[in-house]
PDB file of all heavy atoms in Angstrom:
ATOM      1  N   LEU A   1      35.854 -34.156  51.441  1.00  0.00           N
ATOM      2  CA  LEU A   1      34.873 -33.492  52.298  1.00  0.00           C
ATOM      3  C   LEU A   1      35.418 -33.006  53.595  1.00  0.00           C
ATOM      4  O   LEU A   1      34.817 -32.237  54.309  1.00  0.00           O
ATOM      5  CB  LEU A   1      33.822 -34.653  52.653  1.00  0.00           C
ATOM      6  CG  LEU A   1      33.070 -35.172  51.495  1.00  0.00           C
ATOM      7  CD1 LEU A   1      32.682 -36.558  51.716  1.00  0.00           C
ATOM      8  CD2 LEU A   1      31.902 -34.264  51.193  1.00  0.00           C
ATOM      9  N   GLN A   2      36.737 -33.176  53.849  1.00  0.00           N
ATOM     10  CA  GLN A   2      37.435 -32.633  54.999  1.00  0.00           C
ATOM     11  C   GLN A   2      38.248 -31.453  54.749  1.00  0.00           C
ATOM     12  O   GLN A   2      38.884 -31.040  55.643  1.00  0.00           O
ATOM     13  CB  GLN A   2      38.289 -33.798  55.738  1.00  0.00           C
ATOM     14  CG  GLN A   2      37.469 -35.003  56.247  1.00  0.00           C
ATOM     15  CD  GLN A   2      38.393 -35.971  56.851  1.00  0.00           C
ATOM     16  OE1 GLN A   2      39.384 -36.469  56.135  1.00  0.00           O
ATOM     17  NE2 GLN A   2      38.153 -36.395  58.088  1.00  0.00           N
ATOM     18  N   THR A   3      38.213 -31.056  53.466  1.00  0.00           N
ATOM     19  CA  THR A   3      39.155 -29.914  53.046  1.00  0.00           C
ATOM     20  C   THR A   3      38.502 -28.615  52.900  1.00  0.00           C
ATOM     21  O   THR A   3      38.763 -27.702  53.611  1.00  0.00           O
ATOM     22  CB  THR A   3      39.863 -30.399  51.732  1.00  0.00           C
ATOM     23  OG1 THR A   3      40.639 -31.556  52.010  1.00  0.00           O
ATOM     24  CG2 THR A   3      40.831 -29.348  51.253  1.00  0.00           C
ATOM     25  N   SER A   4      37.587 -28.543  51.971  1.00  0.00           N
ATOM     26  CA  SER A   4      36.844 -27.315  51.656  1.00  0.00           C
ATOM     27  C   SER A   4      35.462 -27.614  51.174  1.00  0.00           C
ATOM     28  O   SER A   4      35.267 -28.696  50.627  1.00  0.00           O
ATOM     29  CB  SER A   4      37.650 -26.456  50.732  1.00  0.00           C
ATOM     30  OG  SER A   4      37.652 -26.931  49.387  1.00  0.00           O
ATOM     31  N   ALA A   5      34.552 -26.666  51.281  1.00  0.00           N
ATOM     32  CA  ALA A   5      33.206 -26.891  50.728  1.00  0.00           C
ATOM     33  C   ALA A   5      33.128 -27.241  49.252  1.00  0.00           C
ATOM     34  O   ALA A   5      32.394 -28.073  48.858  1.00  0.00           O
ATOM     35  CB  ALA A   5      32.380 -25.614  50.976  1.00  0.00           C
ATOM     36  N   GLU A   6      34.056 -26.641  48.551  1.00  0.00           N
ATOM     37  CA  GLU A   6      34.082 -26.956  47.089  1.00  0.00           C
ATOM     38  C   GLU A   6      34.914 -28.100  46.596  1.00  0.00           C
ATOM     39  O   GLU A   6      34.688 -28.619  45.462  1.00  0.00           O
ATOM     40  CB  GLU A   6      34.516 -25.667  46.356  1.00  0.00           C
ATOM     41  CG  GLU A   6      36.081 -25.334  46.571  1.00  0.00           C
ATOM     42  CD  GLU A   6      36.249 -24.383  47.805  1.00  0.00           C
ATOM     43  OE1 GLU A   6      35.214 -24.254  48.573  1.00  0.00           O
ATOM     44  OE2 GLU A   6      37.356 -23.857  47.930  1.00  0.00           O
ATOM     45  N   SER A   7      35.737 -28.581  47.485  1.00  0.00           N
ATOM     46  CA  SER A   7      36.633 -29.670  47.015  1.00  0.00           C
ATOM     47  C   SER A   7      35.890 -30.938  46.476  1.00  0.00           C
ATOM     48  O   SER A   7      36.393 -31.397  45.425  1.00  0.00           O
ATOM     49  CB  SER A   7      37.582 -30.132  48.189  1.00  0.00           C
ATOM     50  OG  SER A   7      38.615 -29.094  48.377  1.00  0.00           O
ATOM     51  N   PRO A   8      34.924 -31.498  47.095  1.00  0.00           N
ATOM     52  CA  PRO A   8      34.260 -32.690  46.496  1.00  0.00           C
ATOM     53  C   PRO A   8      33.707 -32.461  45.149  1.00  0.00           C
ATOM     54  O   PRO A   8      33.705 -33.289  44.231  1.00  0.00           O
ATOM     55  CB  PRO A   8      33.193 -33.063  47.536  1.00  0.00           C
ATOM     56  CG  PRO A   8      33.033 -31.865  48.478  1.00  0.00           C
ATOM     57  CD  PRO A   8      34.292 -31.048  48.424  1.00  0.00           C
ATOM     58  N   LEU A   9      33.073 -31.131  44.977  1.00  0.00           N
ATOM     59  CA  LEU A   9      32.454 -30.898  43.682  1.00  0.00           C
ATOM     60  C   LEU A   9      33.556 -30.674  42.545  1.00  0.00           C
ATOM     61  O   LEU A   9      33.345 -31.176  41.490  1.00  0.00           O
ATOM     62  CB  LEU A   9      31.713 -29.552  43.862  1.00  0.00           C
ATOM     63  CG  LEU A   9      30.457 -29.313  42.982  1.00  0.00           C
ATOM     64  CD1 LEU A   9      29.538 -30.476  43.024  1.00  0.00           C
ATOM     65  CD2 LEU A   9      29.815 -27.995  43.311  1.00  0.00           C
ATOM     66  N   ILE A  10      34.666 -30.081  42.899  1.00  0.00           N
ATOM     67  CA  ILE A  10      35.721 -29.957  41.890  1.00  0.00           C
ATOM     68  C   ILE A  10      36.237 -31.266  41.558  1.00  0.00           C
ATOM     69  O   ILE A  10      36.440 -31.640  40.363  1.00  0.00           O
ATOM     70  CB  ILE A  10      36.885 -29.008  42.453  1.00  0.00           C
ATOM     71  CG1 ILE A  10      36.372 -27.712  42.839  1.00  0.00           C
ATOM     72  CG2 ILE A  10      37.977 -28.929  41.338  1.00  0.00           C
ATOM     73  CD1 ILE A  10      37.363 -26.873  43.573  1.00  0.00           C
ATOM     74  N   PHE A  11      36.589 -32.122  42.585  1.00  0.00           N
ATOM     75  CA  PHE A  11      37.078 -33.478  42.377  1.00  0.00           C
ATOM     76  C   PHE A  11      36.195 -34.337  41.405  1.00  0.00           C
ATOM     77  O   PHE A  11      36.551 -34.960  40.525  1.00  0.00           O
ATOM     78  CB  PHE A  11      37.338 -34.227  43.692  1.00  0.00           C
ATOM     79  CG  PHE A  11      38.196 -35.403  43.590  1.00  0.00           C
ATOM     80  CD1 PHE A  11      39.528 -35.425  43.916  1.00  0.00           C
ATOM     81  CD2 PHE A  11      37.651 -36.629  43.114  1.00  0.00           C
ATOM     82  CE1 PHE A  11      40.314 -36.616  43.917  1.00  0.00           C
ATOM     83  CE2 PHE A  11      38.408 -37.808  43.110  1.00  0.00           C
ATOM     84  CZ  PHE A  11      39.706 -37.750  43.506  1.00  0.00           C
ATOM     85  N   SER A  12      34.939 -34.311  41.783  1.00  0.00           N
ATOM     86  CA  SER A  12      33.863 -35.031  41.058  1.00  0.00           C
ATOM     87  C   SER A  12      33.728 -34.520  39.644  1.00  0.00           C
ATOM     88  O   SER A  12      33.663 -35.302  38.699  1.00  0.00           O
ATOM     89  CB  SER A  12      32.576 -34.844  41.751  1.00  0.00           C
ATOM     90  OG  SER A  12      31.499 -35.353  40.929  1.00  0.00           O
ATOM     91  N   MET A  13      33.854 -33.197  39.514  1.00  0.00           N
ATOM     92  CA  MET A  13      33.680 -32.663  37.988  1.00  0.00           C
ATOM     93  C   MET A  13      34.876 -33.085  37.177  1.00  0.00           C
ATOM     94  O   MET A  13      34.661 -33.582  36.015  1.00  0.00           O
ATOM     95  CB  MET A  13      33.666 -31.119  38.212  1.00  0.00           C
ATOM     96  CG  MET A  13      33.790 -30.481  36.807  1.00  0.00           C
ATOM     97  SD  MET A  13      33.802 -28.665  36.928  1.00  0.00           S
ATOM     98  CE  MET A  13      35.464 -28.437  37.601  1.00  0.00           C
ATOM     99  N   LEU A  14      36.097 -32.956  37.757  1.00  0.00           N
ATOM    100  CA  LEU A  14      37.192 -33.412  36.980  1.00  0.00           C
ATOM    101  C   LEU A  14      37.271 -34.879  36.633  1.00  0.00           C
ATOM    102  O   LEU A  14      37.649 -35.376  35.582  1.00  0.00           O
ATOM    103  CB  LEU A  14      38.556 -33.015  37.695  1.00  0.00           C
ATOM    104  CG  LEU A  14      38.678 -31.514  37.805  1.00  0.00           C
ATOM    105  CD1 LEU A  14      39.822 -31.083  38.628  1.00  0.00           C
ATOM    106  CD2 LEU A  14      38.810 -30.855  36.495  1.00  0.00           C
ATOM    107  N   LEU A  15      36.839 -35.759  37.623  1.00  0.00           N
ATOM    108  CA  LEU A  15      36.770 -37.128  37.389  1.00  0.00           C
ATOM    109  C   LEU A  15      35.784 -37.455  36.216  1.00  0.00           C
ATOM    110  O   LEU A  15      36.003 -38.308  35.429  1.00  0.00           O
ATOM    111  CB  LEU A  15      36.334 -37.798  38.700  1.00  0.00           C
ATOM    112  CG  LEU A  15      36.630 -39.260  38.791  1.00  0.00           C
ATOM    113  CD1 LEU A  15      38.158 -39.552  38.629  1.00  0.00           C
ATOM    114  CD2 LEU A  15      36.145 -39.780  40.117  1.00  0.00           C
ATOM    115  N   LYS A  16      34.578 -36.779  36.278  1.00  0.00           N
ATOM    116  CA  LYS A  16      33.592 -37.010  35.190  1.00  0.00           C
ATOM    117  C   LYS A  16      34.177 -36.705  33.844  1.00  0.00           C
ATOM    118  O   LYS A  16      33.972 -37.303  32.854  1.00  0.00           O
ATOM    119  CB  LYS A  16      32.364 -36.129  35.455  1.00  0.00           C
ATOM    120  CG  LYS A  16      31.497 -36.591  36.636  1.00  0.00           C
ATOM    121  CD  LYS A  16      30.475 -35.566  36.969  1.00  0.00           C
ATOM    122  CE  LYS A  16      29.725 -35.870  38.232  1.00  0.00           C
ATOM    123  NZ  LYS A  16      28.659 -34.857  38.606  1.00  0.00           N
ATOM    124  N   ILE A  17      34.893 -35.593  33.805  1.00  0.00           N
ATOM    125  CA  ILE A  17      35.473 -35.167  32.476  1.00  0.00           C
ATOM    126  C   ILE A  17      36.471 -36.163  31.972  1.00  0.00           C
ATOM    127  O   ILE A  17      36.443 -36.622  30.830  1.00  0.00           O
ATOM    128  CB  ILE A  17      36.307 -33.769  32.675  1.00  0.00           C
ATOM    129  CG1 ILE A  17      35.268 -32.653  32.877  1.00  0.00           C
ATOM    130  CG2 ILE A  17      37.185 -33.513  31.510  1.00  0.00           C
ATOM    131  CD1 ILE A  17      35.901 -31.394  33.282  1.00  0.00           C
ATOM    132  N   PHE A  18      37.418 -36.687  32.800  1.00  0.00           N
ATOM    133  CA  PHE A  18      38.403 -37.661  32.352  1.00  0.00           C
ATOM    134  C   PHE A  18      37.948 -39.090  32.210  1.00  0.00           C
ATOM    135  O   PHE A  18      38.565 -39.916  31.560  1.00  0.00           O
ATOM    136  CB  PHE A  18      39.682 -37.487  33.255  1.00  0.00           C
ATOM    137  CG  PHE A  18      40.458 -36.266  32.992  1.00  0.00           C
ATOM    138  CD1 PHE A  18      40.237 -35.219  33.905  1.00  0.00           C
ATOM    139  CD2 PHE A  18      41.304 -36.125  32.001  1.00  0.00           C
ATOM    140  CE1 PHE A  18      41.013 -34.049  33.690  1.00  0.00           C
ATOM    141  CE2 PHE A  18      42.054 -35.073  31.687  1.00  0.00           C
ATOM    142  CZ  PHE A  18      41.948 -33.964  32.609  1.00  0.00           C
ATOM    143  N   LEU A  19      36.821 -39.327  32.888  1.00  0.00           N
ATOM    144  CA  LEU A  19      36.305 -40.715  32.645  1.00  0.00           C
ATOM    145  C   LEU A  19      35.753 -40.939  31.295  1.00  0.00           C
ATOM    146  O   LEU A  19      35.704 -42.121  30.817  1.00  0.00           O
ATOM    147  CB  LEU A  19      35.203 -40.982  33.718  1.00  0.00           C
ATOM    148  CG  LEU A  19      35.650 -41.266  35.168  1.00  0.00           C
ATOM    149  CD1 LEU A  19      34.448 -41.377  36.128  1.00  0.00           C
ATOM    150  CD2 LEU A  19      36.350 -42.700  35.179  1.00  0.00           C
ATOM    151  N   ILE A  20      35.353 -39.889  30.582  1.00  0.00           N
ATOM    152  CA  ILE A  20      34.812 -40.054  29.238  1.00  0.00           C
ATOM    153  C   ILE A  20      35.617 -39.439  28.135  1.00  0.00           C
ATOM    154  O   ILE A  20      35.219 -39.409  26.967  1.00  0.00           O
ATOM    155  CB  ILE A  20      33.309 -39.626  29.197  1.00  0.00           C
ATOM    156  CG1 ILE A  20      33.199 -38.140  29.552  1.00  0.00           C
ATOM    157  CG2 ILE A  20      32.371 -40.333  30.076  1.00  0.00           C
ATOM    158  CD1 ILE A  20      31.821 -37.501  29.479  1.00  0.00           C
ATOM    159  N   GLN A  21      36.691 -38.878  28.546  1.00  0.00           N
ATOM    160  CA  GLN A  21      37.593 -38.062  27.422  1.00  0.00           C
ATOM    161  C   GLN A  21      38.959 -38.344  27.779  1.00  0.00           C
ATOM    162  O   GLN A  21      39.372 -38.026  28.974  1.00  0.00           O
ATOM    163  CB  GLN A  21      37.149 -36.629  27.360  1.00  0.00           C
ATOM    164  CG  GLN A  21      37.856 -35.923  26.222  1.00  0.00           C
ATOM    165  CD  GLN A  21      37.399 -34.529  26.046  1.00  0.00           C
ATOM    166  OE1 GLN A  21      36.654 -33.939  26.880  1.00  0.00           O
ATOM    167  NE2 GLN A  21      37.696 -33.890  24.909  1.00  0.00           N
ATOM    168  N   SER A  22      39.795 -38.713  26.925  1.00  0.00           N
ATOM    169  CA  SER A  22      41.229 -38.952  27.130  1.00  0.00           C
ATOM    170  C   SER A  22      41.916 -37.614  27.240  1.00  0.00           C
ATOM    171  O   SER A  22      41.455 -36.581  26.739  1.00  0.00           O
ATOM    172  CB  SER A  22      41.856 -39.719  26.018  1.00  0.00           C
ATOM    173  OG  SER A  22      41.856 -38.938  24.809  1.00  0.00           O
ATOM    174  N   MET A  23      43.118 -37.702  27.803  1.00  0.00           N
ATOM    175  CA  MET A  23      43.890 -36.392  27.927  1.00  0.00           C
ATOM    176  C   MET A  23      44.301 -35.868  26.494  1.00  0.00           C
ATOM    177  O   MET A  23      44.255 -34.688  26.271  1.00  0.00           O
ATOM    178  CB  MET A  23      45.129 -36.697  28.737  1.00  0.00           C
ATOM    179  CG  MET A  23      44.949 -36.814  30.195  1.00  0.00           C
ATOM    180  SD  MET A  23      46.497 -36.927  31.234  1.00  0.00           S
ATOM    181  CE  MET A  23      47.166 -35.347  31.000  1.00  0.00           C
ATOM    182  N   LYS A  24      44.618 -36.760  25.639  1.00  0.00           N
ATOM    183  CA  LYS A  24      44.987 -36.348  24.337  1.00  0.00           C
ATOM    184  C   LYS A  24      43.782 -35.665  23.582  1.00  0.00           C
ATOM    185  O   LYS A  24      43.978 -34.574  22.955  1.00  0.00           O
ATOM    186  CB  LYS A  24      45.323 -37.590  23.458  1.00  0.00           C
ATOM    187  CG  LYS A  24      45.988 -37.159  22.103  1.00  0.00           C
ATOM    188  CD  LYS A  24      46.505 -38.401  21.373  1.00  0.00           C
ATOM    189  CE  LYS A  24      47.126 -38.082  20.045  1.00  0.00           C
ATOM    190  NZ  LYS A  24      48.245 -37.095  20.108  1.00  0.00           N
ATOM    191  N   SER A  25      42.628 -36.223  23.719  1.00  0.00           N
ATOM    192  CA  SER A  25      41.433 -35.557  23.046  1.00  0.00           C
ATOM    193  C   SER A  25      41.132 -34.253  23.784  1.00  0.00           C
ATOM    194  O   SER A  25      40.781 -33.228  23.075  1.00  0.00           O
ATOM    195  CB  SER A  25      40.226 -36.534  23.260  1.00  0.00           C
ATOM    196  OG  SER A  25      39.028 -35.886  22.994  1.00  0.00           O
ATOM    197  N   LEU A  26      41.287 -34.201  25.064  1.00  0.00           N
ATOM    198  CA  LEU A  26      41.007 -32.957  25.726  1.00  0.00           C
ATOM    199  C   LEU A  26      41.982 -31.853  25.357  1.00  0.00           C
ATOM    200  O   LEU A  26      41.683 -30.685  25.177  1.00  0.00           O
ATOM    201  CB  LEU A  26      41.098 -33.149  27.260  1.00  0.00           C
ATOM    202  CG  LEU A  26      40.405 -32.109  28.160  1.00  0.00           C
ATOM    203  CD1 LEU A  26      39.800 -32.725  29.337  1.00  0.00           C
ATOM    204  CD2 LEU A  26      41.418 -31.005  28.545  1.00  0.00           C
ATOM    205  N   GLU A  27      43.278 -32.302  25.180  1.00  0.00           N
ATOM    206  CA  GLU A  27      44.262 -31.317  24.716  1.00  0.00           C
ATOM    207  C   GLU A  27      43.898 -30.731  23.423  1.00  0.00           C
ATOM    208  O   GLU A  27      44.168 -29.581  23.147  1.00  0.00           O
ATOM    209  CB  GLU A  27      45.669 -31.984  24.632  1.00  0.00           C
ATOM    210  CG  GLU A  27      46.781 -31.038  24.257  1.00  0.00           C
ATOM    211  CD  GLU A  27      48.101 -31.751  24.347  1.00  0.00           C
ATOM    212  OE1 GLU A  27      48.243 -32.919  24.693  1.00  0.00           O
ATOM    213  OE2 GLU A  27      49.106 -31.124  24.015  1.00  0.00           O
ATOM    214  N   GLN A  28      43.448 -31.662  22.432  1.00  0.00           N
ATOM    215  CA  GLN A  28      43.050 -31.133  21.133  1.00  0.00           C
ATOM    216  C   GLN A  28      41.902 -30.139  21.329  1.00  0.00           C
ATOM    217  O   GLN A  28      41.850 -29.136  20.547  1.00  0.00           O
ATOM    218  CB  GLN A  28      42.698 -32.370  20.258  1.00  0.00           C
ATOM    219  CG  GLN A  28      43.793 -33.190  19.927  1.00  0.00           C
ATOM    220  CD  GLN A  28      43.402 -34.514  19.248  1.00  0.00           C
ATOM    221  OE1 GLN A  28      42.235 -34.885  19.224  1.00  0.00           O
ATOM    222  NE2 GLN A  28      44.441 -35.193  18.653  1.00  0.00           N
ATOM    223  N   THR A  29      40.881 -30.429  22.173  1.00  0.00           N
ATOM    224  CA  THR A  29      39.850 -29.527  22.388  1.00  0.00           C
ATOM    225  C   THR A  29      40.295 -28.128  22.869  1.00  0.00           C
ATOM    226  O   THR A  29      39.864 -27.126  22.420  1.00  0.00           O
ATOM    227  CB  THR A  29      38.938 -30.089  23.387  1.00  0.00           C
ATOM    228  OG1 THR A  29      38.306 -31.300  22.914  1.00  0.00           O
ATOM    229  CG2 THR A  29      37.717 -29.143  23.730  1.00  0.00           C
ATOM    230  N   ALA A  30      41.252 -28.163  23.805  1.00  0.00           N
ATOM    231  CA  ALA A  30      41.795 -26.959  24.373  1.00  0.00           C
ATOM    232  C   ALA A  30      42.512 -26.109  23.362  1.00  0.00           C
ATOM    233  O   ALA A  30      42.281 -24.960  23.238  1.00  0.00           O
ATOM    234  CB  ALA A  30      42.756 -27.356  25.536  1.00  0.00           C
ATOM    235  N   VAL A  31      43.268 -26.803  22.537  1.00  0.00           N
ATOM    236  CA  VAL A  31      44.099 -25.965  21.481  1.00  0.00           C
ATOM    237  C   VAL A  31      43.212 -25.615  20.345  1.00  0.00           C
ATOM    238  O   VAL A  31      43.259 -24.477  19.928  1.00  0.00           O
ATOM    239  CB  VAL A  31      45.269 -26.952  20.946  1.00  0.00           C
ATOM    240  CG1 VAL A  31      46.009 -26.209  19.806  1.00  0.00           C
ATOM    241  CG2 VAL A  31      46.221 -27.154  22.101  1.00  0.00           C
ATOM    242  N   ASN A  32      42.454 -26.554  19.754  1.00  0.00           N
ATOM    243  CA  ASN A  32      41.642 -26.276  18.486  1.00  0.00           C
ATOM    244  C   ASN A  32      40.404 -25.465  18.792  1.00  0.00           C
ATOM    245  O   ASN A  32      40.003 -24.778  17.796  1.00  0.00           O
ATOM    246  CB  ASN A  32      41.425 -27.531  17.838  1.00  0.00           C
ATOM    247  CG  ASN A  32      42.715 -28.241  17.409  1.00  0.00           C
ATOM    248  OD1 ASN A  32      43.679 -27.695  17.151  1.00  0.00           O
ATOM    249  ND2 ASN A  32      42.609 -29.580  17.397  1.00  0.00           N
ATOM    250  N   ILE A  33      39.771 -25.702  19.815  1.00  0.00           N
ATOM    251  CA  ILE A  33      38.442 -25.041  20.050  1.00  0.00           C
ATOM    252  C   ILE A  33      38.572 -23.866  20.965  1.00  0.00           C
ATOM    253  O   ILE A  33      37.897 -22.836  20.766  1.00  0.00           O
ATOM    254  CB  ILE A  33      37.407 -26.089  20.557  1.00  0.00           C
ATOM    255  CG1 ILE A  33      37.186 -27.243  19.524  1.00  0.00           C
ATOM    256  CG2 ILE A  33      36.146 -25.388  20.909  1.00  0.00           C
ATOM    257  CD1 ILE A  33      36.277 -28.343  19.991  1.00  0.00           C
ATOM    258  N   CYS A  34      39.472 -23.995  22.062  1.00  0.00           N
ATOM    259  CA  CYS A  34      39.451 -22.948  23.028  1.00  0.00           C
ATOM    260  C   CYS A  34      40.720 -22.061  22.911  1.00  0.00           C
ATOM    261  O   CYS A  34      40.963 -21.089  23.707  1.00  0.00           O
ATOM    262  CB  CYS A  34      39.462 -23.566  24.451  1.00  0.00           C
ATOM    263  SG  CYS A  34      38.036 -24.572  24.749  1.00  0.00           S
TER     264      CYS A  34
END
C-alpha cells in the first residue's frame, strides 16, 4: 500500500492463484492450454 496504487491488487491476485494451485500445475496450464 506504500508502493503503487496497483501493488496490493497484484500481490493479492497472485497470492490467490498460488494458494489454490501448485507451481507444477500452473506450469502445465501455461504450456498445455496457453
